[in-house]
Amino acid sequence: MKTCPYCGSRIKQLLSSYYCDFCELGIPREDIQEKGKRKDFLPELQPTVQDLSKSTREIMRLSIIELMERGATATASCLPALRST
C-alpha cells in the first residue's frame, strides 16, 4: 500500500501523479512510502552547541557560507546537549 510521507495515510494515484487527501498535497514519486511509514525530513545540518548561545543579531551577521560551514560541523553528539537546555 502506497502511503503519504508526511501523515502515513493511503494515497491516491491520479494518472501519473499521487495525491494525499488528508494533507491535500501532491506527492512526488520519490517521496512515496509504503505501509504507513513516514519519510525522515530532519535537516542534515544542525546548529552547533556554540551557536545556541549566539544572539539573533550575531547569527544574522553571518554569511550563508558561514552558516552552512557551522552546520556541517555539527554532529549527533550535540543532540544530548541540545535536549538538556
PDB file of N, CA and C in Angstrom:
ATOM      1  N   MET A   1       0.849  -1.172   0.000  1.00  0.00           N
ATOM      2  CA  MET A   1       0.000   0.000   0.000  1.00  0.00           C
ATOM      3  C   MET A   1       0.900   1.243   0.000  1.00  0.00           C
ATOM      4  N   LYS A   2       0.714   2.127  -0.960  1.00  0.00           N
ATOM      5  CA  LYS A   2       1.487   3.362  -1.063  1.00  0.00           C
ATOM      6  C   LYS A   2       0.899   4.385  -0.092  1.00  0.00           C
ATOM      7  N   THR A   3       1.792   5.040   0.672  1.00  0.00           N
ATOM      8  CA  THR A   3       1.324   5.972   1.698  1.00  0.00           C
ATOM      9  C   THR A   3       2.060   7.310   1.631  1.00  0.00           C
ATOM     10  N   CYS A   4       1.452   8.299   2.259  1.00  0.00           N
ATOM     11  CA  CYS A   4       1.962   9.663   2.302  1.00  0.00           C
ATOM     12  C   CYS A   4       3.203   9.731   3.207  1.00  0.00           C
ATOM     13  N   PRO A   5       4.269  10.430   2.765  1.00  0.00           N
ATOM     14  CA  PRO A   5       5.470  10.539   3.582  1.00  0.00           C
ATOM     15  C   PRO A   5       5.296  11.466   4.787  1.00  0.00           C
ATOM     16  N   TYR A   6       4.235  12.277   4.805  1.00  0.00           N
ATOM     17  CA  TYR A   6       4.017  13.243   5.881  1.00  0.00           C
ATOM     18  C   TYR A   6       3.102  12.696   6.976  1.00  0.00           C
ATOM     19  N   CYS A   7       1.979  12.069   6.576  1.00  0.00           N
ATOM     20  CA  CYS A   7       0.998  11.639   7.572  1.00  0.00           C
ATOM     21  C   CYS A   7       0.818  10.124   7.650  1.00  0.00           C
ATOM     22  N   GLY A   8       1.320   9.395   6.666  1.00  0.00           N
ATOM     23  CA  GLY A   8       1.195   7.946   6.669  1.00  0.00           C
ATOM     24  C   GLY A   8      -0.109   7.419   6.110  1.00  0.00           C
ATOM     25  N   SER A   9      -0.976   8.304   5.634  1.00  0.00           N
ATOM     26  CA  SER A   9      -2.262   7.881   5.068  1.00  0.00           C
ATOM     27  C   SER A   9      -2.073   7.279   3.678  1.00  0.00           C
ATOM     28  N   ARG A  10      -3.059   6.468   3.283  1.00  0.00           N
ATOM     29  CA  ARG A  10      -3.057   5.902   1.933  1.00  0.00           C
ATOM     30  C   ARG A  10      -3.176   7.049   0.929  1.00  0.00           C
ATOM     31  N   ILE A  11      -2.447   6.955  -0.179  1.00  0.00           N
ATOM     32  CA  ILE A  11      -2.514   7.993  -1.207  1.00  0.00           C
ATOM     33  C   ILE A  11      -3.179   7.440  -2.459  1.00  0.00           C
ATOM     34  N   LYS A  12      -3.716   8.376  -3.254  1.00  0.00           N
ATOM     35  CA  LYS A  12      -4.395   8.008  -4.498  1.00  0.00           C
ATOM     36  C   LYS A  12      -3.466   8.272  -5.677  1.00  0.00           C
ATOM     37  N   GLN A  13      -3.543   7.411  -6.678  1.00  0.00           N
ATOM     38  CA  GLN A  13      -2.816   7.658  -7.910  1.00  0.00           C
ATOM     39  C   GLN A  13      -3.753   8.343  -8.884  1.00  0.00           C
ATOM     40  N   LEU A  14      -3.332   9.497  -9.389  1.00  0.00           N
ATOM     41  CA  LEU A  14      -4.097  10.254 -10.373  1.00  0.00           C
ATOM     42  C   LEU A  14      -3.262  10.316 -11.652  1.00  0.00           C
ATOM     43  N   LEU A  15      -3.615   9.494 -12.613  1.00  0.00           N
ATOM     44  CA  LEU A  15      -2.833   9.350 -13.848  1.00  0.00           C
ATOM     45  C   LEU A  15      -1.388   9.011 -13.493  1.00  0.00           C
ATOM     46  N   SER A  16      -0.452   9.954 -13.687  1.00  0.00           N
ATOM     47  CA  SER A  16       0.959   9.649 -13.396  1.00  0.00           C
ATOM     48  C   SER A  16       1.440  10.320 -12.111  1.00  0.00           C
ATOM     49  N   SER A  17       0.525  10.865 -11.297  1.00  0.00           N
ATOM     50  CA  SER A  17       0.921  11.521 -10.053  1.00  0.00           C
ATOM     51  C   SER A  17       0.173  10.904  -8.871  1.00  0.00           C
ATOM     52  N   TYR A  18       0.552  11.305  -7.664  1.00  0.00           N
ATOM     53  CA  TYR A  18      -0.068  10.785  -6.442  1.00  0.00           C
ATOM     54  C   TYR A  18      -0.564  11.952  -5.600  1.00  0.00           C
ATOM     55  N   TYR A  19      -1.620  11.697  -4.809  1.00  0.00           N
ATOM     56  CA  TYR A  19      -2.247  12.761  -4.021  1.00  0.00           C
ATOM     57  C   TYR A  19      -2.684  12.215  -2.667  1.00  0.00           C
ATOM     58  N   CYS A  20      -2.440  13.010  -1.603  1.00  0.00           N
ATOM     59  CA  CYS A  20      -2.893  12.652  -0.259  1.00  0.00           C
ATOM     60  C   CYS A  20      -4.113  13.506   0.077  1.00  0.00           C
ATOM     61  N   ASP A  21      -5.253  12.859   0.301  1.00  0.00           N
ATOM     62  CA  ASP A  21      -6.480  13.590   0.647  1.00  0.00           C
ATOM     63  C   ASP A  21      -6.374  14.262   2.007  1.00  0.00           C
ATOM     64  N   PHE A  22      -5.710  13.616   2.970  1.00  0.00           N
ATOM     65  CA  PHE A  22      -5.610  14.187   4.308  1.00  0.00           C
ATOM     66  C   PHE A  22      -4.764  15.459   4.304  1.00  0.00           C
ATOM     67  N   CYS A  23      -3.569  15.390   3.692  1.00  0.00           N
ATOM     68  CA  CYS A  23      -2.667  16.555   3.656  1.00  0.00           C
ATOM     69  C   CYS A  23      -3.059  17.559   2.569  1.00  0.00           C
ATOM     70  N   GLU A  24      -3.883  17.101   1.628  1.00  0.00           N
ATOM     71  CA  GLU A  24      -4.265  17.918   0.476  1.00  0.00           C
ATOM     72  C   GLU A  24      -3.037  18.360  -0.302  1.00  0.00           C
ATOM     73  N   LEU A  25      -2.151  17.386  -0.564  1.00  0.00           N
ATOM     74  CA  LEU A  25      -0.895  17.653  -1.265  1.00  0.00           C
ATOM     75  C   LEU A  25      -0.644  16.617  -2.339  1.00  0.00           C
ATOM     76  N   GLY A  26      -0.008  17.076  -3.423  1.00  0.00           N
ATOM     77  CA  GLY A  26       0.526  16.147  -4.400  1.00  0.00           C
ATOM     78  C   GLY A  26       1.817  15.567  -3.837  1.00  0.00           C
ATOM     79  N   ILE A  27       2.059  14.300  -4.067  1.00  0.00           N
ATOM     80  CA  ILE A  27       3.230  13.627  -3.516  1.00  0.00           C
ATOM     81  C   ILE A  27       4.162  13.236  -4.661  1.00  0.00           C
ATOM     82  N   PRO A  28       5.405  13.742  -4.656  1.00  0.00           N
ATOM     83  CA  PRO A  28       6.364  13.321  -5.685  1.00  0.00           C
ATOM     84  C   PRO A  28       6.629  11.819  -5.583  1.00  0.00           C
ATOM     85  N   ARG A  29       6.817  11.195  -6.700  1.00  0.00           N
ATOM     86  CA  ARG A  29       7.023   9.750  -6.752  1.00  0.00           C
ATOM     87  C   ARG A  29       8.185   9.311  -5.854  1.00  0.00           C
ATOM     88  N   GLU A  30       9.246  10.093  -5.793  1.00  0.00           N
ATOM     89  CA  GLU A  30      10.427   9.704  -4.987  1.00  0.00           C
ATOM     90  C   GLU A  30      10.174   9.792  -3.476  1.00  0.00           C
ATOM     91  N   ASP A  31       9.101  10.467  -3.053  1.00  0.00           N
ATOM     92  CA  ASP A  31       8.795  10.592  -1.624  1.00  0.00           C
ATOM     93  C   ASP A  31       7.776   9.570  -1.126  1.00  0.00           C
ATOM     94  N   ILE A  32       7.168   8.813  -2.029  1.00  0.00           N
ATOM     95  CA  ILE A  32       6.141   7.844  -1.647  1.00  0.00           C
ATOM     96  C   ILE A  32       6.727   6.796  -0.698  1.00  0.00           C
ATOM     97  N   GLN A  33       5.975   6.482   0.334  1.00  0.00           N
ATOM     98  CA  GLN A  33       6.387   5.480   1.306  1.00  0.00           C
ATOM     99  C   GLN A  33       5.464   4.265   1.199  1.00  0.00           C
ATOM    100  N   GLU A  34       5.754   3.237   1.952  1.00  0.00           N
ATOM    101  CA  GLU A  34       4.964   2.007   1.948  1.00  0.00           C
ATOM    102  C   GLU A  34       4.468   1.687   3.355  1.00  0.00           C
ATOM    103  N   LYS A  35       3.263   1.162   3.449  1.00  0.00           N
ATOM    104  CA  LYS A  35       2.686   0.634   4.686  1.00  0.00           C
ATOM    105  C   LYS A  35       2.709   1.617   5.859  1.00  0.00           C
ATOM    106  N   GLY A  36       2.382   2.875   5.615  1.00  0.00           N
ATOM    107  CA  GLY A  36       2.263   3.854   6.685  1.00  0.00           C
ATOM    108  C   GLY A  36       3.557   4.459   7.187  1.00  0.00           C
ATOM    109  N   LYS A  37       4.680   4.062   6.609  1.00  0.00           N
ATOM    110  CA  LYS A  37       5.954   4.646   7.051  1.00  0.00           C
ATOM    111  C   LYS A  37       6.016   6.104   6.647  1.00  0.00           C
ATOM    112  N   ARG A  38       6.787   6.854   7.394  1.00  0.00           N
ATOM    113  CA  ARG A  38       6.962   8.275   7.093  1.00  0.00           C
ATOM    114  C   ARG A  38       8.408   8.546   6.740  1.00  0.00           C
ATOM    115  N   LYS A  39       8.618   9.513   5.879  1.00  0.00           N
ATOM    116  CA  LYS A  39       9.955   9.881   5.456  1.00  0.00           C
ATOM    117  C   LYS A  39      10.616  10.738   6.531  1.00  0.00           C
ATOM    118  N   ASP A  40      11.909  10.550   6.720  1.00  0.00           N
ATOM    119  CA  ASP A  40      12.664  11.342   7.680  1.00  0.00           C
ATOM    120  C   ASP A  40      13.029  12.665   7.019  1.00  0.00           C
ATOM    121  N   PHE A  41      12.447  13.754   7.500  1.00  0.00           N
ATOM    122  CA  PHE A  41      12.674  15.067   6.913  1.00  0.00           C
ATOM    123  C   PHE A  41      13.588  15.945   7.763  1.00  0.00           C
ATOM    124  N   LEU A  42      14.318  15.369   8.720  1.00  0.00           N
ATOM    125  CA  LEU A  42      15.230  16.177   9.525  1.00  0.00           C
ATOM    126  C   LEU A  42      16.329  16.738   8.641  1.00  0.00           C
ATOM    127  N   PRO A  43      16.688  17.995   8.835  1.00  0.00           N
ATOM    128  CA  PRO A  43      17.764  18.563   8.027  1.00  0.00           C
ATOM    129  C   PRO A  43      19.101  17.905   8.350  1.00  0.00           C
ATOM    130  N   GLU A  44      19.964  17.815   7.339  1.00  0.00           N
ATOM    131  CA  GLU A  44      21.292  17.240   7.549  1.00  0.00           C
ATOM    132  C   GLU A  44      22.141  18.156   8.425  1.00  0.00           C
ATOM    133  N   LEU A  45      21.939  19.445   8.276  1.00  0.00           N
ATOM    134  CA  LEU A  45      22.747  20.409   9.017  1.00  0.00           C
ATOM    135  C   LEU A  45      22.024  20.829  10.280  1.00  0.00           C
ATOM    136  N   GLN A  46      22.701  20.738  11.395  1.00  0.00           N
ATOM    137  CA  GLN A  46      22.151  21.114  12.687  1.00  0.00           C
ATOM    138  C   GLN A  46      23.042  22.198  13.301  1.00  0.00           C
ATOM    139  N   PRO A  47      22.497  23.082  14.137  1.00  0.00           N
ATOM    140  CA  PRO A  47      23.338  24.088  14.788  1.00  0.00           C
ATOM    141  C   PRO A  47      24.300  23.429  15.769  1.00  0.00           C
ATOM    142  N   THR A  48      25.426  24.083  15.956  1.00  0.00           N
ATOM    143  CA  THR A  48      26.382  23.585  16.942  1.00  0.00           C
ATOM    144  C   THR A  48      25.974  24.076  18.322  1.00  0.00           C
ATOM    145  N   VAL A  49      26.542  23.475  19.350  1.00  0.00           N
ATOM    146  CA  VAL A  49      26.246  23.890  20.725  1.00  0.00           C
ATOM    147  C   VAL A  49      26.663  25.352  20.919  1.00  0.00           C
ATOM    148  N   GLN A  50      27.771  25.755  20.308  1.00  0.00           N
ATOM    149  CA  GLN A  50      28.237  27.145  20.428  1.00  0.00           C
ATOM    150  C   GLN A  50      27.242  28.125  19.792  1.00  0.00           C
ATOM    151  N   ASP A  51      26.582  27.695  18.722  1.00  0.00           N
ATOM    152  CA  ASP A  51      25.610  28.570  18.061  1.00  0.00           C
ATOM    153  C   ASP A  51      24.393  28.851  18.931  1.00  0.00           C
ATOM    154  N   LEU A  52      24.090  27.964  19.861  1.00  0.00           N
ATOM    155  CA  LEU A  52      22.924  28.148  20.724  1.00  0.00           C
ATOM    156  C   LEU A  52      23.049  29.362  21.631  1.00  0.00           C
ATOM    157  N   SER A  53      24.280  29.744  21.935  1.00  0.00           N
ATOM    158  CA  SER A  53      24.480  30.882  22.837  1.00  0.00           C
ATOM    159  C   SER A  53      24.521  32.216  22.090  1.00  0.00           C
ATOM    160  N   LYS A  54      24.508  32.191  20.768  1.00  0.00           N
ATOM    161  CA  LYS A  54      24.567  33.431  19.985  1.00  0.00           C
ATOM    162  C   LYS A  54      23.206  34.127  19.968  1.00  0.00           C
ATOM    163  N   SER A  55      23.268  35.435  19.904  1.00  0.00           N
ATOM    164  CA  SER A  55      22.033  36.214  19.787  1.00  0.00           C
ATOM    165  C   SER A  55      21.562  36.194  18.334  1.00  0.00           C
ATOM    166  N   THR A  56      20.324  36.554  18.118  1.00  0.00           N
ATOM    167  CA  THR A  56      19.793  36.627  16.755  1.00  0.00           C
ATOM    168  C   THR A  56      20.602  37.612  15.935  1.00  0.00           C
ATOM    169  N   ARG A  57      20.976  38.719  16.533  1.00  0.00           N
ATOM    170  CA  ARG A  57      21.765  39.730  15.834  1.00  0.00           C
ATOM    171  C   ARG A  57      23.104  39.146  15.353  1.00  0.00           C
ATOM    172  N   GLU A  58      23.779  38.353  16.201  1.00  0.00           N
ATOM    173  CA  GLU A  58      25.047  37.727  15.809  1.00  0.00           C
ATOM    174  C   GLU A  58      24.852  36.743  14.660  1.00  0.00           C
ATOM    175  N   ILE A  59      23.807  35.958  14.744  1.00  0.00           N
ATOM    176  CA  ILE A  59      23.546  34.968  13.694  1.00  0.00           C
ATOM    177  C   ILE A  59      23.202  35.650  12.377  1.00  0.00           C
ATOM    178  N   MET A  60      22.467  36.743  12.432  1.00  0.00           N
ATOM    179  CA  MET A  60      22.088  37.466  11.218  1.00  0.00           C
ATOM    180  C   MET A  60      23.295  38.080  10.513  1.00  0.00           C
ATOM    181  N   ARG A  61      24.369  38.317  11.225  1.00  0.00           N
ATOM    182  CA  ARG A  61      25.580  38.889  10.619  1.00  0.00           C
ATOM    183  C   ARG A  61      26.417  37.852   9.880  1.00  0.00           C
ATOM    184  N   LEU A  62      26.167  36.590  10.113  1.00  0.00           N
ATOM    185  CA  LEU A  62      26.933  35.540   9.458  1.00  0.00           C
ATOM    186  C   LEU A  62      26.483  35.384   8.006  1.00  0.00           C
ATOM    187  N   SER A  63      27.432  35.060   7.134  1.00  0.00           N
ATOM    188  CA  SER A  63      27.078  34.817   5.734  1.00  0.00           C
ATOM    189  C   SER A  63      26.459  33.427   5.606  1.00  0.00           C
ATOM    190  N   ILE A  64      25.818  33.197   4.498  1.00  0.00           N
ATOM    191  CA  ILE A  64      25.217  31.877   4.264  1.00  0.00           C
ATOM    192  C   ILE A  64      26.293  30.805   4.291  1.00  0.00           C
ATOM    193  N   ILE A  65      27.430  31.095   3.724  1.00  0.00           N
ATOM    194  CA  ILE A  65      28.521  30.110   3.703  1.00  0.00           C
ATOM    195  C   ILE A  65      28.975  29.799   5.124  1.00  0.00           C
ATOM    196  N   GLU A  66      29.111  30.824   5.974  1.00  0.00           N
ATOM    197  CA  GLU A  66      29.495  30.585   7.370  1.00  0.00           C
ATOM    198  C   GLU A  66      28.453  29.724   8.083  1.00  0.00           C
ATOM    199  N   LEU A  67      27.187  30.011   7.839  1.00  0.00           N
ATOM    200  CA  LEU A  67      26.126  29.232   8.469  1.00  0.00           C
ATOM    201  C   LEU A  67      26.160  27.780   8.000  1.00  0.00           C
ATOM    202  N   MET A  68      26.396  27.571   6.701  1.00  0.00           N
ATOM    203  CA  MET A  68      26.472  26.215   6.170  1.00  0.00           C
ATOM    204  C   MET A  68      27.670  25.470   6.749  1.00  0.00           C
ATOM    205  N   GLU A  69      28.813  26.155   6.833  1.00  0.00           N
ATOM    206  CA  GLU A  69      30.006  25.509   7.381  1.00  0.00           C
ATOM    207  C   GLU A  69      29.796  25.143   8.844  1.00  0.00           C
ATOM    208  N   ARG A  70      29.188  26.041   9.598  1.00  0.00           N
ATOM    209  CA  ARG A  70      28.933  25.762  11.016  1.00  0.00           C
ATOM    210  C   ARG A  70      27.974  24.592  11.164  1.00  0.00           C
ATOM    211  N   GLY A  71      26.953  24.544  10.323  1.00  0.00           N
ATOM    212  CA  GLY A  71      26.000  23.447  10.389  1.00  0.00           C
ATOM    213  C   GLY A  71      26.626  22.124   9.995  1.00  0.00           C
ATOM    214  N   ALA A  72      27.548  22.165   9.042  1.00  0.00           N
ATOM    215  CA  ALA A  72      28.179  20.934   8.572  1.00  0.00           C
ATOM    216  C   ALA A  72      29.072  20.317   9.641  1.00  0.00           C
ATOM    217  N   THR A  73      29.539  21.118  10.588  1.00  0.00           N
ATOM    218  CA  THR A  73      30.420  20.582  11.623  1.00  0.00           C
ATOM    219  C   THR A  73      29.652  19.997  12.797  1.00  0.00           C
ATOM    220  N   ALA A  74      28.354  20.218  12.832  1.00  0.00           N
ATOM    221  CA  ALA A  74      27.544  19.670  13.930  1.00  0.00           C
ATOM    222  C   ALA A  74      27.474  18.152  13.804  1.00  0.00           C
ATOM    223  N   THR A  75      27.437  17.481  14.928  1.00  0.00           N
ATOM    224  CA  THR A  75      27.349  16.016  14.920  1.00  0.00           C
ATOM    225  C   THR A  75      26.242  15.557  15.844  1.00  0.00           C
ATOM    226  N   ALA A  76      25.957  14.295  15.802  1.00  0.00           N
ATOM    227  CA  ALA A  76      24.923  13.729  16.664  1.00  0.00           C
ATOM    228  C   ALA A  76      25.283  13.866  18.130  1.00  0.00           C
ATOM    229  N   SER A  77      26.554  14.041  18.444  1.00  0.00           N
ATOM    230  CA  SER A  77      26.943  14.188  19.845  1.00  0.00           C
ATOM    231  C   SER A  77      26.424  15.491  20.442  1.00  0.00           C
ATOM    232  N   CYS A  78      26.015  16.427  19.618  1.00  0.00           N
ATOM    233  CA  CYS A  78      25.452  17.686  20.103  1.00  0.00           C
ATOM    234  C   CYS A  78      24.017  17.508  20.599  1.00  0.00           C
ATOM    235  N   LEU A  79      23.333  16.504  20.112  1.00  0.00           N
ATOM    236  CA  LEU A  79      21.914  16.360  20.440  1.00  0.00           C
ATOM    237  C   LEU A  79      21.629  16.237  21.927  1.00  0.00           C
ATOM    238  N   PRO A  80      22.386  15.431  22.705  1.00  0.00           N
ATOM    239  CA  PRO A  80      22.086  15.385  24.149  1.00  0.00           C
ATOM    240  C   PRO A  80      22.234  16.751  24.811  1.00  0.00           C
ATOM    241  N   ALA A  81      23.209  17.542  24.372  1.00  0.00           N
ATOM    242  CA  ALA A  81      23.390  18.881  24.946  1.00  0.00           C
ATOM    243  C   ALA A  81      22.212  19.775  24.588  1.00  0.00           C
ATOM    244  N   LEU A  82      21.700  19.631  23.359  1.00  0.00           N
ATOM    245  CA  LEU A  82      20.561  20.453  22.945  1.00  0.00           C
ATOM    246  C   LEU A  82      19.313  20.104  23.764  1.00  0.00           C
ATOM    247  N   ARG A  83      19.120  18.834  24.038  1.00  0.00           N
ATOM    248  CA  ARG A  83      17.933  18.407  24.791  1.00  0.00           C
ATOM    249  C   ARG A  83      17.970  18.856  26.246  1.00  0.00           C
ATOM    250  N   SER A  84      19.152  19.001  26.811  1.00  0.00           N
ATOM    251  CA  SER A  84      19.249  19.341  28.231  1.00  0.00           C
ATOM    252  C   SER A  84      19.111  20.827  28.484  1.00  0.00           C
ATOM    253  N   THR A  85      19.087  21.650  27.415  1.00  0.00           N
ATOM    254  CA  THR A  85      18.961  23.106  27.629  1.00  0.00           C
ATOM    255  C   THR A  85      17.522  23.526  27.645  1.00  0.00           C
TER     256      THR A  85
END
